[in-house]
């Protein structure tokens, strides 16, 4: 089975912990299911060198110049888990939709590279409806494969997507076209249901090599 994962954010040199749980989940999947091949499409969503915003307007010329020298790369994490990095600039969705078409293109190239290495993708797993769910929706139509969205958004929806026109453009179509929508908590599932999105609850994974269940009694009122 071949699973292509699209995380809405992902660790970068500047923010090494951003979206680290997406990466760890992909590695856990590949580790526990050696018969599953996992590809991760990344484009530098958490790299400030690829952000063009008005706060950093004086830096734009340098960023645009440096961008030409940023190379795509393929990084094997395990024999069956590969990161595909193809950089794309990001800016406000108010202008040319935040460069979403280019971001979709770079993920399309990553998906094709994954298929060249492992064969046809069986399912696309998007973490968060935007941008990953939107990207997955586009790739799903082109590749003819289903996709699922695991939603982590909190509060739900984020204020930037709460106006009805933005909800209808960026979130609703991705949810409606997904084969399944997953919420990482019961409360989030309830919030999604209230917005007309059918979802099921699958909690986040826990690294049992690091966290261990207590065998003793627990008193929530006792401070240690």
C-alpha atoms as a PDB file:
ATOM      1  CA  UNK A   1       0.000   0.000   0.000  1.00  0.00           C
ATOM      2  CA  UNK A   2       1.288   3.471  -0.882  1.00  0.00           C
ATOM      3  CA  UNK A   3       0.257   6.455   1.253  1.00  0.00           C
ATOM      4  CA  UNK A   4       1.119  10.022   0.277  1.00  0.00           C
ATOM      5  CA  UNK A   5       0.976  12.419   3.232  1.00  0.00           C
ATOM      6  CA  UNK A   6       0.510  16.179   2.893  1.00  0.00           C
ATOM      7  CA  UNK A   7       1.103  18.103   6.144  1.00  0.00           C
ATOM      8  CA  UNK A   8      -0.140  21.705   6.319  1.00  0.00           C
ATOM      9  CA  UNK A   9       3.016  22.634   8.219  1.00  0.00           C
ATOM     10  CA  UNK A  10       6.251  20.800   8.783  1.00  0.00           C
ATOM     11  CA  UNK A  11       9.561  21.221  10.643  1.00  0.00           C
ATOM     12  CA  UNK A  12      12.106  23.633   9.191  1.00  0.00           C
ATOM     13  CA  UNK A  13      15.540  24.823  10.293  1.00  0.00           C
ATOM     14  CA  UNK A  14      13.926  27.943  11.772  1.00  0.00           C
ATOM     15  CA  UNK A  15      11.042  26.079  13.421  1.00  0.00           C
ATOM     16  CA  UNK A  16      12.207  22.505  14.027  1.00  0.00           C
ATOM     17  CA  UNK A  17       9.209  21.596  16.199  1.00  0.00           C
ATOM     18  CA  UNK A  18       6.474  22.948  13.938  1.00  0.00           C
ATOM     19  CA  UNK A  19       4.397  20.014  12.771  1.00  0.00           C
ATOM     20  CA  UNK A  20       6.881  17.533  14.228  1.00  0.00           C
ATOM     21  CA  UNK A  21       3.962  15.248  15.150  1.00  0.00           C
ATOM     22  CA  UNK A  22       3.055  14.933  11.455  1.00  0.00           C
ATOM     23  CA  UNK A  23       6.553  13.694  10.735  1.00  0.00           C
ATOM     24  CA  UNK A  24       6.606  11.385  13.743  1.00  0.00           C
ATOM     25  CA  UNK A  25       3.242   9.891  12.801  1.00  0.00           C
ATOM     26  CA  UNK A  26       4.476   9.153   9.270  1.00  0.00           C
ATOM     27  CA  UNK A  27       7.589   7.468  10.653  1.00  0.00           C
ATOM     28  CA  UNK A  28       5.504   5.444  13.119  1.00  0.00           C
ATOM     29  CA  UNK A  29       3.232   4.271  10.309  1.00  0.00           C
ATOM     30  CA  UNK A  30       6.189   3.163   8.201  1.00  0.00           C
ATOM     31  CA  UNK A  31       7.902   1.526  11.186  1.00  0.00           C
ATOM     32  CA  UNK A  32       4.927  -0.523  12.352  1.00  0.00           C
ATOM     33  CA  UNK A  33       3.692  -1.413   8.862  1.00  0.00           C
ATOM     34  CA  UNK A  34       6.741  -2.324   6.760  1.00  0.00           C
ATOM     35  CA  UNK A  35       4.475  -3.285   3.881  1.00  0.00           C
ATOM     36  CA  UNK A  36       3.248   0.299   3.619  1.00  0.00           C
ATOM     37  CA  UNK A  37       5.261   2.877   1.687  1.00  0.00           C
ATOM     38  CA  UNK A  38       4.923   6.440   2.956  1.00  0.00           C
ATOM     39  CA  UNK A  39       5.730   9.608   1.027  1.00  0.00           C
ATOM     40  CA  UNK A  40       5.639  13.071   2.625  1.00  0.00           C
ATOM     41  CA  UNK A  41       5.169  16.124   0.415  1.00  0.00           C
ATOM     42  CA  UNK A  42       6.721  19.308   1.815  1.00  0.00           C
ATOM     43  CA  UNK A  43       7.280  22.746   0.311  1.00  0.00           C
ATOM     44  CA  UNK A  44       8.732  24.832   3.135  1.00  0.00           C
ATOM     45  CA  UNK A  45       5.464  25.956   4.709  1.00  0.00           C
ATOM     46  CA  UNK A  46       7.266  26.817   7.961  1.00  0.00           C
ATOM     47  CA  UNK A  47      10.378  28.330   6.438  1.00  0.00           C
ATOM     48  CA  UNK A  48      10.367  32.133   6.945  1.00  0.00           C
ATOM     49  CA  UNK A  49      12.756  32.457   4.016  1.00  0.00           C
ATOM     50  CA  UNK A  50       9.850  31.423   1.787  1.00  0.00           C
ATOM     51  CA  UNK A  51       7.271  33.775   3.317  1.00  0.00           C
ATOM     52  CA  UNK A  52       6.469  37.035   1.565  1.00  0.00           C
ATOM     53  CA  UNK A  53       4.515  39.264   3.930  1.00  0.00           C
ATOM     54  CA  UNK A  54       4.322  43.018   4.364  1.00  0.00           C
ATOM     55  CA  UNK A  55       6.164  42.894   7.677  1.00  0.00           C
ATOM     56  CA  UNK A  56       9.263  41.688   5.824  1.00  0.00           C
ATOM     57  CA  UNK A  57       8.767  43.769   2.664  1.00  0.00           C
ATOM     58  CA  UNK A  58      12.371  45.144   2.709  1.00  0.00           C
ATOM     59  CA  UNK A  59      13.633  41.547   2.656  1.00  0.00           C
ATOM     60  CA  UNK A  60      11.696  40.514  -0.446  1.00  0.00           C
ATOM     61  CA  UNK A  61      14.471  41.198  -2.993  1.00  0.00           C
ATOM     62  CA  UNK A  62      16.898  39.020  -1.029  1.00  0.00           C
ATOM     63  CA  UNK A  63      14.309  36.290  -0.493  1.00  0.00           C
ATOM     64  CA  UNK A  64      13.404  36.194  -4.175  1.00  0.00           C
ATOM     65  CA  UNK A  65      17.072  36.073  -5.165  1.00  0.00           C
ATOM     66  CA  UNK A  66      17.884  33.348  -2.641  1.00  0.00           C
ATOM     67  CA  UNK A  67      14.813  31.355  -3.675  1.00  0.00           C
ATOM     68  CA  UNK A  68      16.342  30.698  -7.099  1.00  0.00           C
ATOM     69  CA  UNK A  69      19.151  28.812  -5.407  1.00  0.00           C
ATOM     70  CA  UNK A  70      16.991  26.590  -3.189  1.00  0.00           C
ATOM     71  CA  UNK A  71      17.119  23.041  -4.487  1.00  0.00           C
ATOM     72  CA  UNK A  72      14.491  20.342  -4.293  1.00  0.00           C
ATOM     73  CA  UNK A  73      15.577  17.263  -2.390  1.00  0.00           C
ATOM     74  CA  UNK A  74      14.486  13.750  -1.584  1.00  0.00           C
ATOM     75  CA  UNK A  75      15.338  12.492   1.907  1.00  0.00           C
ATOM     76  CA  UNK A  76      14.896   8.829   2.875  1.00  0.00           C
ATOM     77  CA  UNK A  77      13.900   8.519   6.552  1.00  0.00           C
ATOM     78  CA  UNK A  78      13.430   4.770   6.258  1.00  0.00           C
ATOM     79  CA  UNK A  79      13.483   2.474   3.254  1.00  0.00           C
ATOM     80  CA  UNK A  80       9.688   2.856   3.080  1.00  0.00           C
ATOM     81  CA  UNK A  81       9.361   6.461   4.285  1.00  0.00           C
ATOM     82  CA  UNK A  82      10.597   9.306   2.076  1.00  0.00           C
ATOM     83  CA  UNK A  83      10.418  13.099   2.378  1.00  0.00           C
ATOM     84  CA  UNK A  84       9.981  14.997  -0.883  1.00  0.00           C
ATOM     85  CA  UNK A  85      10.873  18.673  -0.545  1.00  0.00           C
ATOM     86  CA  UNK A  86      10.052  21.031  -3.396  1.00  0.00           C
ATOM     87  CA  UNK A  87      10.104  24.697  -2.312  1.00  0.00           C
ATOM     88  CA  UNK A  88       7.320  27.162  -3.006  1.00  0.00           C
ATOM     89  CA  UNK A  89       6.871  30.754  -1.919  1.00  0.00           C
ATOM     90  CA  UNK A  90       3.880  31.617   0.245  1.00  0.00           C
ATOM     91  CA  UNK A  91       2.051  34.897   0.759  1.00  0.00           C
ATOM     92  CA  UNK A  92      -1.369  36.237   1.750  1.00  0.00           C
ATOM     93  CA  UNK A  93      -4.392  34.427   0.268  1.00  0.00           C
ATOM     94  CA  UNK A  94      -5.760  37.868  -0.607  1.00  0.00           C
ATOM     95  CA  UNK A  95      -3.404  38.037  -3.607  1.00  0.00           C
ATOM     96  CA  UNK A  96      -3.434  35.221  -6.142  1.00  0.00           C
ATOM     97  CA  UNK A  97      -4.722  32.873  -3.458  1.00  0.00           C
ATOM     98  CA  UNK A  98      -1.417  32.829  -1.600  1.00  0.00           C
ATOM     99  CA  UNK A  99       0.395  31.064  -4.453  1.00  0.00           C
ATOM    100  CA  UNK A 100      -1.695  27.949  -3.847  1.00  0.00           C
ATOM    101  CA  UNK A 101      -1.500  26.851  -7.498  1.00  0.00           C
ATOM    102  CA  UNK A 102       2.287  26.699  -7.298  1.00  0.00           C
ATOM    103  CA  UNK A 103       2.117  24.849  -3.977  1.00  0.00           C
ATOM    104  CA  UNK A 104      -0.252  22.314  -5.570  1.00  0.00           C
ATOM    105  CA  UNK A 105       2.166  21.958  -8.484  1.00  0.00           C
ATOM    106  CA  UNK A 106       5.123  21.228  -6.232  1.00  0.00           C
ATOM    107  CA  UNK A 107       3.111  18.593  -4.358  1.00  0.00           C
ATOM    108  CA  UNK A 108       2.056  17.109  -7.690  1.00  0.00           C
ATOM    109  CA  UNK A 109       5.721  16.740  -8.621  1.00  0.00           C
ATOM    110  CA  UNK A 110       6.443  15.140  -5.246  1.00  0.00           C
ATOM    111  CA  UNK A 111       3.532  12.731  -5.691  1.00  0.00           C
ATOM    112  CA  UNK A 112       4.798  11.737  -9.128  1.00  0.00           C
ATOM    113  CA  UNK A 113       8.288  11.157  -7.759  1.00  0.00           C
ATOM    114  CA  UNK A 114       6.797   8.956  -5.045  1.00  0.00           C
ATOM    115  CA  UNK A 115       4.859   6.956  -7.641  1.00  0.00           C
ATOM    116  CA  UNK A 116       7.960   6.531  -9.788  1.00  0.00           C
ATOM    117  CA  UNK A 117       9.722   5.028  -6.793  1.00  0.00           C
ATOM    118  CA  UNK A 118       6.952   2.899  -5.258  1.00  0.00           C
ATOM    119  CA  UNK A 119       4.087   2.643  -7.733  1.00  0.00           C
ATOM    120  CA  UNK A 120       0.598   4.130  -7.816  1.00  0.00           C
ATOM    121  CA  UNK A 121      -0.596   6.004  -4.748  1.00  0.00           C
ATOM    122  CA  UNK A 122      -3.485   4.236  -3.003  1.00  0.00           C
ATOM    123  CA  UNK A 123      -4.568   7.041  -0.690  1.00  0.00           C
ATOM    124  CA  UNK A 124      -3.640  10.627   0.153  1.00  0.00           C
ATOM    125  CA  UNK A 125      -3.654  11.703   3.799  1.00  0.00           C
ATOM    126  CA  UNK A 126      -3.970  15.444   4.387  1.00  0.00           C
ATOM    127  CA  UNK A 127      -3.311  16.951   7.793  1.00  0.00           C
ATOM    128  CA  UNK A 128      -5.652  19.959   8.222  1.00  0.00           C
ATOM    129  CA  UNK A 129      -8.148  21.090   5.590  1.00  0.00           C
ATOM    130  CA  UNK A 130      -6.088  24.053   4.443  1.00  0.00           C
ATOM    131  CA  UNK A 131      -3.808  24.060   2.713  1.00  0.00           C
ATOM    132  CA  UNK A 132      -3.218  20.292   2.827  1.00  0.00           C
ATOM    133  CA  UNK A 133      -6.843  19.272   2.312  1.00  0.00           C
ATOM    134  CA  UNK A 134      -7.205  21.658  -0.605  1.00  0.00           C
ATOM    135  CA  UNK A 135      -4.010  20.282  -2.166  1.00  0.00           C
ATOM    136  CA  UNK A 136      -5.160  16.703  -1.596  1.00  0.00           C
ATOM    137  CA  UNK A 137      -8.488  17.477  -3.276  1.00  0.00           C
ATOM    138  CA  UNK A 138      -6.702  18.712  -6.395  1.00  0.00           C
ATOM    139  CA  UNK A 139      -4.314  15.742  -6.527  1.00  0.00           C
ATOM    140  CA  UNK A 140      -7.145  13.290  -5.852  1.00  0.00           C
ATOM    141  CA  UNK A 141      -8.999  14.495  -8.941  1.00  0.00           C
ATOM    142  CA  UNK A 142      -5.896  14.238 -11.112  1.00  0.00           C
ATOM    143  CA  UNK A 143      -4.654  10.878  -9.817  1.00  0.00           C
ATOM    144  CA  UNK A 144      -8.037   9.235  -9.351  1.00  0.00           C
ATOM    145  CA  UNK A 145      -7.343   8.175  -5.760  1.00  0.00           C
ATOM    146  CA  UNK A 146      -9.250   8.921  -2.536  1.00  0.00           C
ATOM    147  CA  UNK A 147      -8.029  11.211   0.205  1.00  0.00           C
ATOM    148  CA  UNK A 148      -8.760  11.659   3.888  1.00  0.00           C
ATOM    149  CA  UNK A 149      -8.370  14.738   6.057  1.00  0.00           C
ATOM    150  CA  UNK A 150      -7.258  14.607   9.668  1.00  0.00           C
ATOM    151  CA  UNK A 151      -8.279  17.900  11.229  1.00  0.00           C
ATOM    152  CA  UNK A 152      -6.171  19.443  13.985  1.00  0.00           C
ATOM    153  CA  UNK A 153      -7.455  23.019  13.704  1.00  0.00           C
ATOM    154  CA  UNK A 154      -8.102  24.723  17.035  1.00  0.00           C
ATOM    155  CA  UNK A 155     -10.121  26.824  17.546  1.00  0.00           C
ATOM    156  CA  UNK A 156     -12.360  25.518  14.793  1.00  0.00           C
ATOM    157  CA  UNK A 157     -12.506  27.086  12.379  1.00  0.00           C
ATOM    158  CA  UNK A 158      -9.621  29.490  12.713  1.00  0.00           C
ATOM    159  CA  UNK A 159     -10.748  33.118  12.620  1.00  0.00           C
ATOM    160  CA  UNK A 160      -9.233  33.600   9.177  1.00  0.00           C
ATOM    161  CA  UNK A 161     -11.631  30.984   7.752  1.00  0.00           C
ATOM    162  CA  UNK A 162     -14.715  31.889   9.773  1.00  0.00           C
ATOM    163  CA  UNK A 163     -16.258  34.358   7.296  1.00  0.00           C
ATOM    164  CA  UNK A 164     -18.706  32.351   5.169  1.00  0.00           C
ATOM    165  CA  UNK A 165     -17.081  33.192   1.845  1.00  0.00           C
ATOM    166  CA  UNK A 166     -13.684  31.936   3.016  1.00  0.00           C
ATOM    167  CA  UNK A 167     -15.216  28.833   4.578  1.00  0.00           C
ATOM    168  CA  UNK A 168     -17.035  28.071   1.333  1.00  0.00           C
ATOM    169  CA  UNK A 169     -13.929  28.592  -0.795  1.00  0.00           C
ATOM    170  CA  UNK A 170     -11.130  27.004   1.217  1.00  0.00           C
ATOM    171  CA  UNK A 171     -12.549  24.481   3.683  1.00  0.00           C
ATOM    172  CA  UNK A 172     -16.008  23.212   2.736  1.00  0.00           C
ATOM    173  CA  UNK A 173     -15.102  21.760  -0.700  1.00  0.00           C
ATOM    174  CA  UNK A 174     -12.122  19.862   0.731  1.00  0.00           C
ATOM    175  CA  UNK A 175     -14.239  18.292   3.491  1.00  0.00           C
ATOM    176  CA  UNK A 176     -17.096  17.420   1.170  1.00  0.00           C
ATOM    177  CA  UNK A 177     -14.869  15.714  -1.398  1.00  0.00           C
ATOM    178  CA  UNK A 178     -12.846  13.715   1.150  1.00  0.00           C
ATOM    179  CA  UNK A 179     -13.484   9.990   1.535  1.00  0.00           C
ATOM    180  CA  UNK A 180     -13.301  10.483   5.310  1.00  0.00           C
ATOM    181  CA  UNK A 181     -12.855  13.368   7.710  1.00  0.00           C
ATOM    182  CA  UNK A 182     -11.114  12.660  11.004  1.00  0.00           C
ATOM    183  CA  UNK A 183     -11.055  14.811  14.143  1.00  0.00           C
ATOM    184  CA  UNK A 184      -8.338  14.330  16.742  1.00  0.00           C
ATOM    185  CA  UNK A 185     -10.731  14.959  19.658  1.00  0.00           C
ATOM    186  CA  UNK A 186     -14.397  14.565  20.518  1.00  0.00           C
ATOM    187  CA  UNK A 187     -14.803  18.314  21.015  1.00  0.00           C
ATOM    188  CA  UNK A 188     -13.297  19.054  17.604  1.00  0.00           C
ATOM    189  CA  UNK A 189     -15.593  16.457  16.047  1.00  0.00           C
ATOM    190  CA  UNK A 190     -18.579  18.205  17.640  1.00  0.00           C
ATOM    191  CA  UNK A 191     -17.428  21.556  16.262  1.00  0.00           C
ATOM    192  CA  UNK A 192     -17.045  20.081  12.786  1.00  0.00           C
ATOM    193  CA  UNK A 193     -20.459  18.435  12.994  1.00  0.00           C
ATOM    194  CA  UNK A 194     -21.994  21.762  13.975  1.00  0.00           C
ATOM    195  CA  UNK A 195     -20.665  23.159  10.678  1.00  0.00           C
ATOM    196  CA  UNK A 196     -22.206  20.304   8.717  1.00  0.00           C
ATOM    197  CA  UNK A 197     -19.014  18.233   8.351  1.00  0.00           C
ATOM    198  CA  UNK A 198     -19.368  14.527   9.108  1.00  0.00           C
ATOM    199  CA  UNK A 199     -16.287  13.282  10.959  1.00  0.00           C
ATOM    200  CA  UNK A 200     -15.064  10.481  13.171  1.00  0.00           C
ATOM    201  CA  UNK A 201     -12.660  10.672  16.100  1.00  0.00           C
ATOM    202  CA  UNK A 202      -9.170   9.179  15.959  1.00  0.00           C
ATOM    203  CA  UNK A 203      -6.892  10.667  18.659  1.00  0.00           C
ATOM    204  CA  UNK A 204      -3.293  11.610  18.037  1.00  0.00           C
ATOM    205  CA  UNK A 205      -0.673   8.920  18.496  1.00  0.00           C
ATOM    206  CA  UNK A 206       1.446   8.662  21.627  1.00  0.00           C
ATOM    207  CA  UNK A 207       5.101   7.597  21.577  1.00  0.00           C
ATOM    208  CA  UNK A 208       5.123   4.727  24.053  1.00  0.00           C
ATOM    209  CA  UNK A 209       8.928   4.717  24.035  1.00  0.00           C
ATOM    210  CA  UNK A 210       8.752   8.107  25.759  1.00  0.00           C
ATOM    211  CA  UNK A 211       5.401   8.140  27.582  1.00  0.00           C
ATOM    212  CA  UNK A 212       4.368   5.339  29.923  1.00  0.00           C
ATOM    213  CA  UNK A 213       0.982   4.732  31.518  1.00  0.00           C
ATOM    214  CA  UNK A 214       1.005   5.082  35.279  1.00  0.00           C
ATOM    215  CA  UNK A 215       0.202   1.978  37.298  1.00  0.00           C
ATOM    216  CA  UNK A 216      -0.731   3.952  40.405  1.00  0.00           C
ATOM    217  CA  UNK A 217      -3.855   5.898  41.311  1.00  0.00           C
ATOM    218  CA  UNK A 218      -4.308   9.438  40.083  1.00  0.00           C
ATOM    219  CA  UNK A 219      -5.627  12.338  42.128  1.00  0.00           C
ATOM    220  CA  UNK A 220      -6.388  15.343  39.941  1.00  0.00           C
ATOM    221  CA  UNK A 221      -6.565  17.587  43.020  1.00  0.00           C
ATOM    222  CA  UNK A 222      -3.145  16.643  44.332  1.00  0.00           C
ATOM    223  CA  UNK A 223      -0.294  18.908  43.321  1.00  0.00           C
ATOM    224  CA  UNK A 224       3.127  17.287  43.072  1.00  0.00           C
END
